[in-house]
Amino acid sequence: MYKVRKTMTVSASHHISFAGGTQTEPDHGHNWKITVWCASEELDADGMVVDFCDIERRICGYLDHGDLNELLPFNPTTENLARWICDQIPQCYQVEVEESPGNAASYER
């Protein structure tokens, strides 16, 4: 089994809506640290599990400097964001998203 890891930073704003009707400050931002783990039994024709540049395009290219509430069809919690990122990359089996130092969530298939 081949495994690779890609870490990147995305600057994006969001607000969280809570079940009781309250929400966090509108459009506060974070420099999200995102780590993506991918695996494959076989390498592709180029000798890779996945192209790191493709991961960067799919995630940073879409989210960077955006409002997550406008870009994503769900309440953009750190947990939901981790799952969404994992779903964007077929070879991905785990994602960790750090919203701020000490506050992180992960999702694993």
C-alpha atoms as a PDB file:
ATOM      1  CA  MET A   1       0.000   0.000   0.000  1.00  0.00           C
ATOM      2  CA  TYR A   2       1.334   3.407  -1.010  1.00  0.00           C
ATOM      3  CA  LYS A   3       0.445   6.365   1.211  1.00  0.00           C
ATOM      4  CA  VAL A   4       1.040  10.089   0.796  1.00  0.00           C
ATOM      5  CA  ARG A   5       0.231  13.177   2.860  1.00  0.00           C
ATOM      6  CA  LYS A   6      -0.397  16.739   1.686  1.00  0.00           C
ATOM      7  CA  THR A   7      -0.620  19.729   4.057  1.00  0.00           C
ATOM      8  CA  MET A   8      -1.902  23.104   2.913  1.00  0.00           C
ATOM      9  CA  THR A   9      -3.347  26.321   4.298  1.00  0.00           C
ATOM     10  CA  VAL A  10      -6.622  27.899   3.220  1.00  0.00           C
ATOM     11  CA  SER A  11      -7.705  31.380   4.295  1.00  0.00           C
ATOM     12  CA  ALA A  12     -11.496  31.509   4.424  1.00  0.00           C
ATOM     13  CA  SER A  13     -14.358  33.011   6.400  1.00  0.00           C
ATOM     14  CA  HIS A  14     -17.468  31.380   7.811  1.00  0.00           C
ATOM     15  CA  HIS A  15     -20.110  31.551  10.490  1.00  0.00           C
ATOM     16  CA  ILE A  16     -21.711  28.639  12.289  1.00  0.00           C
ATOM     17  CA  SER A  17     -25.457  28.328  12.850  1.00  0.00           C
ATOM     18  CA  PHE A  18     -26.444  26.445  15.995  1.00  0.00           C
ATOM     19  CA  ALA A  19     -29.598  24.358  16.494  1.00  0.00           C
ATOM     20  CA  GLY A  20     -30.963  26.847  19.038  1.00  0.00           C
ATOM     21  CA  GLY A  21     -31.006  29.589  16.410  1.00  0.00           C
ATOM     22  CA  THR A  22     -27.840  31.401  17.472  1.00  0.00           C
ATOM     23  CA  GLN A  23     -24.736  31.746  15.366  1.00  0.00           C
ATOM     24  CA  THR A  24     -21.106  32.732  15.674  1.00  0.00           C
ATOM     25  CA  GLU A  25     -19.902  36.125  14.526  1.00  0.00           C
ATOM     26  CA  PRO A  26     -20.798  36.563  10.870  1.00  0.00           C
ATOM     27  CA  ASP A  27     -17.945  36.069   8.490  1.00  0.00           C
ATOM     28  CA  HIS A  28     -15.052  35.660  10.885  1.00  0.00           C
ATOM     29  CA  GLY A  29     -12.045  34.063   9.246  1.00  0.00           C
ATOM     30  CA  HIS A  30      -9.371  31.488   9.853  1.00  0.00           C
ATOM     31  CA  ASN A  31      -6.183  30.273   8.260  1.00  0.00           C
ATOM     32  CA  TRP A  32      -7.291  26.656   8.104  1.00  0.00           C
ATOM     33  CA  LYS A  33      -4.462  24.090   8.191  1.00  0.00           C
ATOM     34  CA  ILE A  34      -5.594  21.086   6.179  1.00  0.00           C
ATOM     35  CA  THR A  35      -3.816  17.728   6.048  1.00  0.00           C
ATOM     36  CA  VAL A  36      -4.986  15.114   3.553  1.00  0.00           C
ATOM     37  CA  TRP A  37      -3.875  11.455   3.597  1.00  0.00           C
ATOM     38  CA  CYS A  38      -4.289   9.343   0.448  1.00  0.00           C
ATOM     39  CA  ALA A  39      -3.563   5.697  -0.319  1.00  0.00           C
ATOM     40  CA  SER A  40      -3.529   3.333  -3.261  1.00  0.00           C
ATOM     41  CA  GLU A  41      -2.577  -0.269  -3.896  1.00  0.00           C
ATOM     42  CA  GLU A  42      -1.133   0.762  -7.274  1.00  0.00           C
ATOM     43  CA  LEU A  43       0.566   3.864  -8.616  1.00  0.00           C
ATOM     44  CA  ASP A  44      -0.941   5.707 -11.575  1.00  0.00           C
ATOM     45  CA  ALA A  45       0.751   5.943 -14.989  1.00  0.00           C
ATOM     46  CA  ASP A  46       2.898   8.814 -13.674  1.00  0.00           C
ATOM     47  CA  GLY A  47       4.100   6.817 -10.667  1.00  0.00           C
ATOM     48  CA  MET A  48       1.926   8.643  -8.104  1.00  0.00           C
ATOM     49  CA  VAL A  49      -0.861   7.856  -5.671  1.00  0.00           C
ATOM     50  CA  VAL A  50      -2.339  11.264  -6.463  1.00  0.00           C
ATOM     51  CA  ASP A  51      -0.934  14.461  -7.922  1.00  0.00           C
ATOM     52  CA  PHE A  52      -0.298  16.928  -5.059  1.00  0.00           C
ATOM     53  CA  CYS A  53      -1.084  19.793  -7.450  1.00  0.00           C
ATOM     54  CA  ASP A  54      -4.500  18.263  -8.149  1.00  0.00           C
ATOM     55  CA  ILE A  55      -5.277  18.181  -4.422  1.00  0.00           C
ATOM     56  CA  GLU A  56      -4.215  21.821  -4.150  1.00  0.00           C
ATOM     57  CA  ARG A  57      -6.447  22.823  -7.090  1.00  0.00           C
ATOM     58  CA  ARG A  58      -9.491  20.935  -5.785  1.00  0.00           C
ATOM     59  CA  ILE A  59      -9.260  22.261  -2.236  1.00  0.00           C
ATOM     60  CA  CYS A  60      -7.316  25.533  -2.142  1.00  0.00           C
ATOM     61  CA  GLY A  61      -8.407  26.549  -5.612  1.00  0.00           C
ATOM     62  CA  TYR A  62     -12.042  26.314  -4.567  1.00  0.00           C
ATOM     63  CA  LEU A  63     -11.999  27.454  -0.914  1.00  0.00           C
ATOM     64  CA  ASP A  64      -9.110  29.928  -0.551  1.00  0.00           C
ATOM     65  CA  HIS A  65     -10.223  33.488   0.266  1.00  0.00           C
ATOM     66  CA  GLY A  66     -13.878  32.479   0.051  1.00  0.00           C
ATOM     67  CA  ASP A  67     -16.884  32.502   2.364  1.00  0.00           C
ATOM     68  CA  LEU A  68     -17.511  28.864   3.265  1.00  0.00           C
ATOM     69  CA  ASN A  69     -21.198  29.593   3.873  1.00  0.00           C
ATOM     70  CA  GLU A  70     -21.532  30.616   0.229  1.00  0.00           C
ATOM     71  CA  LEU A  71     -19.284  27.899  -1.215  1.00  0.00           C
ATOM     72  CA  LEU A  72     -20.569  24.847   0.653  1.00  0.00           C
ATOM     73  CA  PRO A  73     -24.106  23.424   0.903  1.00  0.00           C
ATOM     74  CA  PHE A  74     -23.949  22.721   4.672  1.00  0.00           C
ATOM     75  CA  ASN A  75     -23.212  24.355   8.020  1.00  0.00           C
ATOM     76  CA  PRO A  76     -19.424  24.869   7.654  1.00  0.00           C
ATOM     77  CA  THR A  77     -18.222  23.397  10.923  1.00  0.00           C
ATOM     78  CA  THR A  78     -14.688  22.088  11.049  1.00  0.00           C
ATOM     79  CA  GLU A  79     -16.071  18.532  11.199  1.00  0.00           C
ATOM     80  CA  ASN A  80     -18.269  18.992   8.116  1.00  0.00           C
ATOM     81  CA  LEU A  81     -15.399  20.635   6.245  1.00  0.00           C
ATOM     82  CA  ALA A  82     -13.111  17.663   6.974  1.00  0.00           C
ATOM     83  CA  ARG A  83     -15.634  15.238   5.499  1.00  0.00           C
ATOM     84  CA  TRP A  84     -16.285  17.417   2.433  1.00  0.00           C
ATOM     85  CA  ILE A  85     -12.552  17.618   1.694  1.00  0.00           C
ATOM     86  CA  CYS A  86     -12.190  13.834   1.988  1.00  0.00           C
ATOM     87  CA  ASP A  87     -15.058  13.375  -0.483  1.00  0.00           C
ATOM     88  CA  GLN A  88     -13.341  15.610  -3.081  1.00  0.00           C
ATOM     89  CA  ILE A  89     -10.347  13.296  -3.548  1.00  0.00           C
ATOM     90  CA  PRO A  90     -11.079   9.668  -4.478  1.00  0.00           C
ATOM     91  CA  GLN A  91      -7.815   8.303  -3.017  1.00  0.00           C
ATOM     92  CA  CYS A  92      -8.302  10.160   0.288  1.00  0.00           C
ATOM     93  CA  TYR A  93      -8.903   8.130   3.434  1.00  0.00           C
ATOM     94  CA  GLN A  94      -8.312  10.742   6.163  1.00  0.00           C
ATOM     95  CA  VAL A  95      -8.404  14.518   6.586  1.00  0.00           C
ATOM     96  CA  GLU A  96      -7.514  16.754   9.512  1.00  0.00           C
ATOM     97  CA  VAL A  97      -8.666  20.363   9.549  1.00  0.00           C
ATOM     98  CA  GLU A  98      -7.215  22.741  12.126  1.00  0.00           C
ATOM     99  CA  GLU A  99      -9.390  25.837  12.450  1.00  0.00           C
ATOM    100  CA  SER A 100      -7.014  27.548  14.871  1.00  0.00           C
ATOM    101  CA  PRO A 101      -4.191  26.329  17.112  1.00  0.00           C
ATOM    102  CA  GLY A 102      -5.654  23.758  19.469  1.00  0.00           C
ATOM    103  CA  ASN A 103      -8.981  23.417  17.598  1.00  0.00           C
ATOM    104  CA  ALA A 104      -9.066  20.640  15.009  1.00  0.00           C
ATOM    105  CA  ALA A 105     -11.364  17.963  13.621  1.00  0.00           C
ATOM    106  CA  SER A 106     -10.665  14.895  11.538  1.00  0.00           C
ATOM    107  CA  TYR A 107     -12.633  12.592   9.295  1.00  0.00           C
ATOM    108  CA  GLU A 108     -11.605   9.098   8.308  1.00  0.00           C
ATOM    109  CA  ARG A 109     -13.220   6.692   5.819  1.00  0.00           C
END
